[in-house]
Amino acid sequence: MQIEFRASPRPTLGIEWEFALVDRDTRDLANCAAALFDTVLPRLPDPGKLHQELLRNTVEVVSGICGSVGEAMADLRSTLDVVAPAAHELGVDLYCAGTHPFAEWTHQQLTPGHRYEELIKRTQWWGRQMLIWGVHVHVGMPEVDRVMPVLSSLLNQYPHLQALSASSPVWAGVDTGYASNRAMMFQQLPTAGLPFQFETWAEYERFVHDQVTTGIIEDLHDIRWDIRPSGRLGTIENRACDGISTFEELAPLTALMHCLVVDLDQRLAAGETLLTLPPWHVQENKWRAARYGLEAVVIVDDRCHERLVTDDLDDLLERLSPVARRLDCEPELRAVADIPRRGASYQRQRAVAAAHDGDLVAVVDAVVGELRDSLDGGWPAAAGVVAGPPAPGAQRG
């Protein structure tokens, strides 16, 4: 099976930002995406920038093809400046975290469509549990022959991205003990989770052939890996991040993903052999980042050396600074370091719950408020968050 890869001559950016809809009074999920579409689409200059998703409690805002992080943020903001007020008219707010802290899956309604119906028909209980939201970042790749090596090497920084974006500590009213319960939930689907590490595009094509032949997938959209190639768009799509509630975090994390892909691709094009971790280390790092977030100790090479993820992040940001300068996102990349100092979303949510005697409605209020304040151009205070991780004594697998 031949899969066309429409290579991008420039390292372009595209972002997909998923939002739940929550009732303004109860803060529970609201199955009103259809009504929001009816309200919003006539007002949008480009209706294609708002998408439906698996469940009627979710909408997705997408950017166009952008040349820089700043351009992508402006693109998304222009759409949200229409969508957020329209949602308010319907009595709902936009909410973006990896999970909702107390919603019940039995109350959620499926969006009509063959693809969604087949997904639930096949996956049953696990598919119906997917009350999860994330951010997907596409980066254009210039050569198909470099796609799979770059993707495999990018998995070395998977735990960094997951830890920084982790925003799903509570599930069905219970603190799971995980920073990202979304990461653990999503991988239960049969074609989701970590990608296989192929060396060539031809190996990937043989894999897809086998998947289609055996009825595992109908088409490429059914491959739901955390990081995957998109032949149609000519990109590597990074889907590792939990839902992100503010531009102040989305812009830095987008810059980090942009710089990582471009750096790896340029090094490979220059003849360098990229470091690739064994799959068992990649799998362990994913679990550690999901469990411990910014306190995770991750495996950094094939000789089993380990570092606190935030210590490794500091060196990574320094190494990527020249790339960020070329991509016109140096301030955004520097701002990645602000996330651990300020507290990641999972830490802020736990602080809010503790300050309100475990009230999870207050947690939803806080996440909604972060987005609202971010759209207004400011960063909300998160009282009670202690920045910086403790000593890494119990942060390993």
Protein backbone atom coordinates (compact mmCIF):
# COMPACT_ATOMS: atom_id res chain seq x y z
CA MET A 1 0.00 0.00 0.00
CA GLN A 2 1.45 3.34 -1.06
CA ILE A 3 0.63 6.34 1.11
CA GLU A 4 1.28 9.75 -0.40
CA PHE A 5 3.09 12.24 1.80
CA ARG A 6 2.46 15.78 0.59
CA ALA A 7 5.71 17.25 1.84
CA SER A 8 5.73 20.80 3.13
CA PRO A 9 8.61 22.95 1.83
CA ARG A 10 8.42 25.06 5.01
CA PRO A 11 8.07 23.98 8.66
CA THR A 12 4.49 25.22 8.85
CA LEU A 13 2.25 24.99 11.91
CA GLY A 14 -1.35 23.91 12.41
CA ILE A 15 -3.19 23.56 15.72
CA GLU A 16 -6.34 21.70 16.76
CA TRP A 17 -7.69 22.82 20.16
CA GLU A 18 -10.50 20.75 21.70
CA PHE A 19 -13.02 22.32 24.10
CA ALA A 20 -15.72 20.81 26.26
CA LEU A 21 -18.99 22.70 26.73
CA VAL A 22 -20.05 23.12 30.35
CA ASP A 23 -23.31 24.44 31.75
CA ARG A 24 -22.87 27.86 33.31
CA ASP A 25 -24.83 26.93 36.45
CA THR A 26 -24.16 23.25 37.16
CA ARG A 27 -20.70 23.14 35.52
CA ASP A 28 -21.57 19.67 34.19
CA LEU A 29 -20.96 18.83 30.53
CA ALA A 30 -23.60 20.12 28.12
CA ASN A 31 -24.54 18.19 24.96
CA CYS A 32 -25.23 21.31 22.92
CA ALA A 33 -22.52 21.36 20.25
CA ALA A 34 -25.14 21.25 17.48
CA ALA A 35 -26.84 24.39 18.80
CA LEU A 36 -23.47 26.12 19.10
CA PHE A 37 -22.65 25.24 15.50
CA ASP A 38 -25.98 26.66 14.34
CA THR A 39 -25.23 29.88 16.21
CA VAL A 40 -21.56 30.27 15.32
CA LEU A 41 -21.14 29.14 11.74
CA PRO A 42 -22.99 32.07 10.12
CA ARG A 43 -20.72 34.44 12.08
CA LEU A 44 -17.36 32.86 11.19
CA PRO A 45 -15.48 34.15 8.15
CA ASP A 46 -14.16 30.59 7.72
CA PRO A 47 -16.67 28.02 9.08
CA GLY A 48 -14.09 25.29 8.50
CA LYS A 49 -12.22 26.46 11.59
CA LEU A 50 -14.80 24.91 13.93
CA HIS A 51 -15.17 21.12 13.91
CA GLN A 52 -17.44 18.58 15.56
CA GLU A 53 -15.99 15.71 17.59
CA LEU A 54 -17.01 12.29 18.89
CA LEU A 55 -19.40 13.63 21.53
CA ARG A 56 -21.95 16.43 21.45
CA ASN A 57 -20.31 18.04 24.45
CA THR A 58 -17.19 18.96 22.43
CA VAL A 59 -16.09 21.35 19.70
CA GLU A 60 -12.67 21.76 18.13
CA VAL A 61 -11.17 25.07 17.05
CA VAL A 62 -8.52 24.71 14.33
CA SER A 63 -6.03 27.12 12.87
CA GLY A 64 -5.13 27.51 9.25
CA ILE A 65 -1.66 26.74 7.92
CA CYS A 66 0.58 29.16 9.80
CA GLY A 67 4.21 30.19 9.53
CA SER A 68 4.89 31.00 13.17
CA VAL A 69 3.60 30.50 16.70
CA GLY A 70 2.44 34.11 16.86
CA GLU A 71 0.45 33.74 13.66
CA ALA A 72 -1.14 30.52 14.92
CA MET A 73 -2.17 32.12 18.23
CA ALA A 74 -3.72 35.09 16.44
CA ASP A 75 -5.59 32.72 14.13
CA LEU A 76 -7.06 30.71 17.01
CA ARG A 77 -7.91 33.83 18.98
CA SER A 78 -9.88 35.30 16.10
CA THR A 79 -12.08 32.18 16.00
CA LEU A 80 -12.49 31.97 19.77
CA ASP A 81 -13.49 35.63 19.88
CA VAL A 82 -16.59 34.50 17.96
CA VAL A 83 -17.15 31.08 19.51
CA ALA A 84 -16.86 32.05 23.20
CA PRO A 85 -19.55 34.80 23.11
CA ALA A 86 -21.85 32.53 21.10
CA ALA A 87 -21.47 29.81 23.72
CA HIS A 88 -22.28 32.35 26.42
CA GLU A 89 -25.57 33.16 24.64
CA LEU A 90 -26.50 29.46 24.95
CA GLY A 91 -25.74 29.35 28.68
CA VAL A 92 -22.52 27.38 28.37
CA ASP A 93 -18.81 28.08 28.70
CA LEU A 94 -15.75 26.67 26.96
CA TYR A 95 -13.65 24.40 29.16
CA CYS A 96 -10.28 22.90 28.29
CA ALA A 97 -8.51 20.34 30.45
CA GLY A 98 -7.58 16.73 29.82
CA THR A 99 -10.71 15.50 31.60
CA HIS A 100 -13.79 16.87 33.36
CA PRO A 101 -13.57 16.21 37.11
CA PHE A 102 -17.07 14.89 37.79
CA ALA A 103 -19.05 14.33 34.57
CA GLU A 104 -20.67 10.90 34.02
CA TRP A 105 -20.07 9.17 30.70
CA THR A 106 -23.57 7.66 30.71
CA HIS A 107 -25.07 11.15 30.25
CA GLN A 108 -23.11 12.01 27.10
CA GLN A 109 -24.53 11.89 23.58
CA LEU A 110 -22.73 10.67 20.46
CA THR A 111 -22.32 12.95 17.45
CA PRO A 112 -24.03 11.38 14.40
CA GLY A 113 -21.70 9.97 11.78
CA HIS A 114 -20.48 6.62 10.46
CA ARG A 115 -16.94 6.99 11.80
CA TYR A 116 -18.06 7.77 15.34
CA GLU A 117 -20.73 5.08 15.34
CA GLU A 118 -18.23 2.45 14.17
CA LEU A 119 -15.76 3.51 16.85
CA ILE A 120 -18.31 2.99 19.62
CA LYS A 121 -19.64 -0.20 18.06
CA ARG A 122 -16.16 -1.67 18.12
CA THR A 123 -14.75 -0.29 21.39
CA GLN A 124 -17.97 -0.36 23.45
CA TRP A 125 -17.44 0.56 27.14
CA TRP A 126 -13.95 1.95 26.64
CA GLY A 127 -15.03 4.08 23.71
CA ARG A 128 -17.92 5.53 25.67
CA GLN A 129 -15.53 6.46 28.48
CA MET A 130 -13.59 8.89 26.28
CA LEU A 131 -14.46 12.12 28.09
CA ILE A 132 -11.06 13.52 27.23
CA TRP A 133 -9.72 16.64 25.52
CA GLY A 134 -6.34 17.53 24.07
CA VAL A 135 -4.35 19.79 21.80
CA HIS A 136 -2.84 18.56 18.52
CA VAL A 137 0.04 20.40 16.85
CA HIS A 138 1.03 19.74 13.22
CA VAL A 139 4.51 20.64 11.97
CA GLY A 140 5.28 20.50 8.26
CA MET A 141 8.00 18.10 7.09
CA PRO A 142 9.95 18.65 3.84
CA GLU A 143 11.00 15.05 3.08
CA VAL A 144 9.04 11.83 3.49
CA ASP A 145 12.25 9.85 4.09
CA ARG A 146 12.90 11.80 7.29
CA VAL A 147 9.41 11.53 8.77
CA MET A 148 9.69 8.23 10.65
CA PRO A 149 13.20 8.80 12.09
CA VAL A 150 12.17 12.25 13.35
CA LEU A 151 8.93 10.84 14.81
CA SER A 152 10.79 8.07 16.64
CA SER A 153 13.37 10.48 18.08
CA LEU A 154 10.64 12.92 19.09
CA LEU A 155 9.39 10.27 21.53
CA ASN A 156 12.41 11.08 23.71
CA GLN A 157 10.68 14.36 24.63
CA TYR A 158 7.20 12.86 24.93
CA PRO A 159 7.32 12.89 28.76
CA HIS A 160 8.35 16.54 28.81
CA LEU A 161 5.30 17.54 26.77
CA GLN A 162 2.96 15.35 28.77
CA ALA A 163 4.25 16.59 32.12
CA LEU A 164 4.06 20.26 31.13
CA SER A 165 0.50 19.97 29.79
CA ALA A 166 -0.90 17.48 32.32
CA SER A 167 -4.37 18.67 33.29
CA SER A 168 -6.44 15.59 34.18
CA PRO A 169 -5.87 14.54 37.78
CA VAL A 170 -9.53 13.91 38.66
CA TRP A 171 -11.85 11.35 37.06
CA ALA A 172 -15.51 10.70 37.99
CA GLY A 173 -15.16 12.69 41.18
CA VAL A 174 -12.00 10.97 42.41
CA ASP A 175 -8.42 12.21 42.41
CA THR A 176 -6.65 9.44 40.51
CA GLY A 177 -3.18 10.19 41.83
CA TYR A 178 -2.11 10.79 38.23
CA ALA A 179 -1.16 14.13 36.70
CA SER A 180 -2.61 12.95 33.37
CA ASN A 181 -5.34 10.37 33.66
CA ARG A 182 -6.26 11.26 30.07
CA ALA A 183 -3.04 9.66 28.82
CA MET A 184 -3.94 6.41 30.56
CA MET A 185 -7.56 6.45 29.38
CA PHE A 186 -6.92 7.23 25.72
CA GLN A 187 -4.43 4.40 25.22
CA GLN A 188 -7.17 1.86 26.00
CA LEU A 189 -8.50 2.28 22.46
CA PRO A 190 -7.03 -0.41 20.18
CA THR A 191 -5.33 1.97 17.74
CA ALA A 192 -4.34 4.69 20.24
CA GLY A 193 -1.31 5.12 22.46
CA LEU A 194 2.36 5.28 21.59
CA PRO A 195 3.35 4.82 17.94
CA PHE A 196 5.47 1.99 16.66
CA GLN A 197 9.02 3.07 15.89
CA PHE A 198 9.57 2.51 12.17
CA GLU A 199 12.81 3.43 10.44
CA THR A 200 11.36 4.01 6.96
CA TRP A 201 8.15 5.19 5.33
CA ALA A 202 7.92 1.84 3.53
CA GLU A 203 7.72 0.04 6.90
CA TYR A 204 4.87 2.33 7.90
CA GLU A 205 3.09 1.60 4.60
CA ARG A 206 3.37 -2.16 5.23
CA PHE A 207 1.95 -1.66 8.71
CA VAL A 208 -1.04 0.27 7.35
CA HIS A 209 -1.60 -2.42 4.71
CA ASP A 210 -1.74 -5.07 7.42
CA GLN A 211 -4.11 -2.96 9.55
CA VAL A 212 -6.52 -2.43 6.66
CA THR A 213 -6.30 -6.03 5.44
CA THR A 214 -7.14 -7.44 8.87
CA GLY A 215 -9.99 -4.96 9.45
CA ILE A 216 -8.34 -3.14 12.36
CA ILE A 217 -8.76 0.21 10.61
CA GLU A 218 -10.80 1.49 7.69
CA ASP A 219 -8.50 4.40 6.85
CA LEU A 220 -5.58 6.40 8.25
CA HIS A 221 -7.82 8.51 10.51
CA ASP A 222 -8.39 5.40 12.62
CA ILE A 223 -4.73 5.39 13.68
CA ARG A 224 -4.96 7.46 16.85
CA TRP A 225 -1.34 7.44 18.02
CA ASP A 226 -0.05 10.04 20.47
CA ILE A 227 2.33 11.18 17.70
CA ARG A 228 1.54 10.25 14.13
CA PRO A 229 2.37 11.20 10.55
CA SER A 230 -0.22 12.92 8.40
CA GLY A 231 0.47 12.15 4.76
CA ARG A 232 -2.45 14.24 3.53
CA LEU A 233 -1.17 17.35 5.31
CA GLY A 234 2.56 16.62 5.04
CA THR A 235 3.09 16.93 8.79
CA ILE A 236 4.03 15.19 11.99
CA GLU A 237 1.06 15.56 14.33
CA ASN A 238 1.90 15.73 18.02
CA ARG A 239 -1.10 14.63 20.12
CA ALA A 240 0.73 14.08 23.43
CA CYS A 241 -0.64 17.12 25.26
CA ASP A 242 -3.63 17.18 27.60
CA GLY A 243 -6.15 19.96 27.14
CA ILE A 244 -4.58 23.40 27.65
CA SER A 245 -6.65 26.18 29.16
CA THR A 246 -4.71 29.33 28.25
CA PHE A 247 -2.79 30.98 25.45
CA GLU A 248 -0.04 31.61 27.99
CA GLU A 249 0.60 27.86 28.05
CA LEU A 250 -0.49 26.97 24.52
CA ALA A 251 1.98 29.34 22.85
CA PRO A 252 5.06 28.04 24.73
CA LEU A 253 4.12 24.39 24.25
CA THR A 254 3.46 24.98 20.55
CA ALA A 255 6.87 26.65 20.27
CA LEU A 256 8.49 23.68 21.98
CA MET A 257 6.85 21.20 19.60
CA HIS A 258 7.69 23.35 16.58
CA CYS A 259 11.34 23.67 17.58
CA LEU A 260 11.72 19.99 18.44
CA VAL A 261 10.53 18.77 15.05
CA VAL A 262 12.54 21.34 13.09
CA ASP A 263 15.68 20.71 15.14
CA LEU A 264 15.49 16.94 14.68
CA ASP A 265 14.76 17.25 10.97
CA GLN A 266 17.65 19.63 10.35
CA ARG A 267 20.08 17.45 12.29
CA LEU A 268 18.99 14.37 10.37
CA ALA A 269 19.30 16.23 7.04
CA ALA A 270 22.85 17.21 8.03
CA GLY A 271 23.79 13.55 8.39
CA GLU A 272 23.47 13.13 12.14
CA THR A 273 22.10 9.88 13.58
CA LEU A 274 19.22 10.77 15.90
CA LEU A 275 19.00 9.30 19.37
CA THR A 276 16.12 6.83 19.70
CA LEU A 277 15.12 5.25 22.99
CA PRO A 278 14.13 1.58 23.14
CA PRO A 279 10.33 1.16 23.14
CA TRP A 280 10.36 -0.13 26.72
CA HIS A 281 11.99 3.11 27.91
CA VAL A 282 9.51 5.21 25.91
CA GLN A 283 6.61 3.32 27.46
CA GLU A 284 7.99 3.73 30.97
CA ASN A 285 8.59 7.46 30.44
CA LYS A 286 4.99 7.92 29.33
CA TRP A 287 3.74 6.24 32.48
CA ARG A 288 6.06 8.24 34.75
CA ALA A 289 5.03 11.56 33.20
CA ALA A 290 1.33 10.62 33.43
CA ARG A 291 1.72 9.55 37.04
CA TYR A 292 4.09 12.18 38.45
CA GLY A 293 3.85 15.08 36.01
CA LEU A 294 6.60 17.64 36.59
CA GLU A 295 8.01 15.49 39.38
CA ALA A 296 8.76 12.58 37.07
CA VAL A 297 12.25 11.16 36.77
CA VAL A 298 12.61 10.10 33.14
CA ILE A 299 15.03 7.84 31.26
CA VAL A 300 17.07 10.00 28.91
CA ASP A 301 19.21 7.56 26.90
CA ASP A 302 19.67 3.92 25.98
CA ARG A 303 22.24 3.51 28.78
CA CYS A 304 19.47 3.92 31.39
CA HIS A 305 20.58 7.32 32.69
CA GLU A 306 17.77 9.22 34.44
CA ARG A 307 17.00 12.86 35.22
CA LEU A 308 14.22 14.88 36.79
CA VAL A 309 12.15 15.97 33.81
CA THR A 310 12.38 19.67 34.70
CA ASP A 311 16.19 19.50 34.92
CA ASP A 312 16.33 17.90 31.49
CA LEU A 313 13.88 20.50 30.22
CA ASP A 314 16.22 23.35 31.17
CA ASP A 315 19.01 21.91 29.02
CA LEU A 316 16.58 21.17 26.19
CA LEU A 317 15.35 24.77 26.08
CA GLU A 318 18.92 26.04 25.96
CA ARG A 319 19.75 23.72 23.06
CA LEU A 320 16.65 24.77 21.10
CA SER A 321 17.16 28.53 21.53
CA PRO A 322 18.94 29.04 18.16
CA VAL A 323 16.16 27.11 16.42
CA ALA A 324 13.53 29.26 18.13
CA ARG A 325 15.34 32.37 16.96
CA ARG A 326 15.14 31.18 13.35
CA LEU A 327 11.46 30.26 13.75
CA ASP A 328 10.60 33.64 15.34
CA CYS A 329 9.37 32.07 18.59
CA GLU A 330 12.22 32.68 21.02
CA PRO A 331 10.08 34.50 23.65
CA GLU A 332 7.45 31.74 23.50
CA LEU A 333 10.08 29.01 23.91
CA ARG A 334 11.60 30.80 26.90
CA ALA A 335 8.13 30.93 28.46
CA VAL A 336 8.05 27.12 28.66
CA ALA A 337 10.17 27.46 31.81
CA ASP A 338 7.40 29.55 33.40
CA ILE A 339 5.02 26.58 33.52
CA PRO A 340 6.87 24.65 36.27
CA ARG A 341 7.44 27.87 38.20
CA ARG A 342 3.77 28.82 38.00
CA GLY A 343 2.41 25.31 38.46
CA ALA A 344 1.01 23.04 35.76
CA SER A 345 -2.74 22.70 35.34
CA TYR A 346 -2.99 19.47 37.34
CA GLN A 347 -1.26 21.24 40.25
CA ARG A 348 -3.51 24.29 39.98
CA GLN A 349 -6.64 22.12 39.90
CA ARG A 350 -5.60 20.24 43.03
CA ALA A 351 -4.83 23.53 44.77
CA VAL A 352 -8.30 24.88 43.94
CA ALA A 353 -9.95 21.67 45.18
CA ALA A 354 -7.98 21.83 48.43
CA ALA A 355 -8.88 25.48 48.94
CA HIS A 356 -12.60 24.70 48.46
CA ASP A 357 -12.89 21.57 50.62
CA GLY A 358 -12.84 19.28 47.60
CA ASP A 359 -15.53 21.16 45.64
CA LEU A 360 -15.05 20.07 42.02
CA VAL A 361 -17.48 22.67 40.71
CA ALA A 362 -14.90 25.20 41.87
CA VAL A 363 -12.28 23.37 39.83
CA VAL A 364 -14.37 23.68 36.66
CA ASP A 365 -14.97 27.35 37.49
CA ALA A 366 -11.23 27.89 37.77
CA VAL A 367 -10.41 26.20 34.45
CA VAL A 368 -13.17 28.13 32.67
CA GLY A 369 -11.92 31.32 34.27
CA GLU A 370 -8.38 30.71 33.07
CA LEU A 371 -9.52 30.59 29.46
CA ARG A 372 -11.75 33.62 29.87
CA ASP A 373 -8.93 35.65 31.41
CA SER A 374 -6.53 34.45 28.74
CA LEU A 375 -8.88 35.61 25.98
CA ASP A 376 -8.99 38.96 27.74
CA GLY A 377 -5.20 39.11 27.60
CA GLY A 378 -4.19 38.27 31.14
CA TRP A 379 -2.97 35.34 33.19
CA PRO A 380 -5.13 34.36 36.20
CA ALA A 381 -3.66 33.99 39.67
CA ALA A 382 -3.71 30.42 40.99
CA ALA A 383 -3.76 30.73 44.75
CA GLY A 384 -2.25 27.89 46.70
CA VAL A 385 -0.02 26.50 43.95
CA VAL A 386 3.50 25.85 45.14
CA ALA A 387 5.83 26.22 42.18
CA GLY A 388 8.66 23.81 41.65
CA PRO A 389 8.77 20.05 42.25
CA PRO A 390 9.83 18.46 45.53
CA ALA A 391 12.83 16.16 45.81
CA PRO A 392 12.50 13.28 43.34
CA GLY A 393 12.56 10.44 45.81
CA ALA A 394 9.39 8.62 44.71
CA GLN A 395 8.96 9.71 41.14
CA ARG A 396 10.27 6.67 39.32
CA GLY A 397 8.39 3.61 38.11
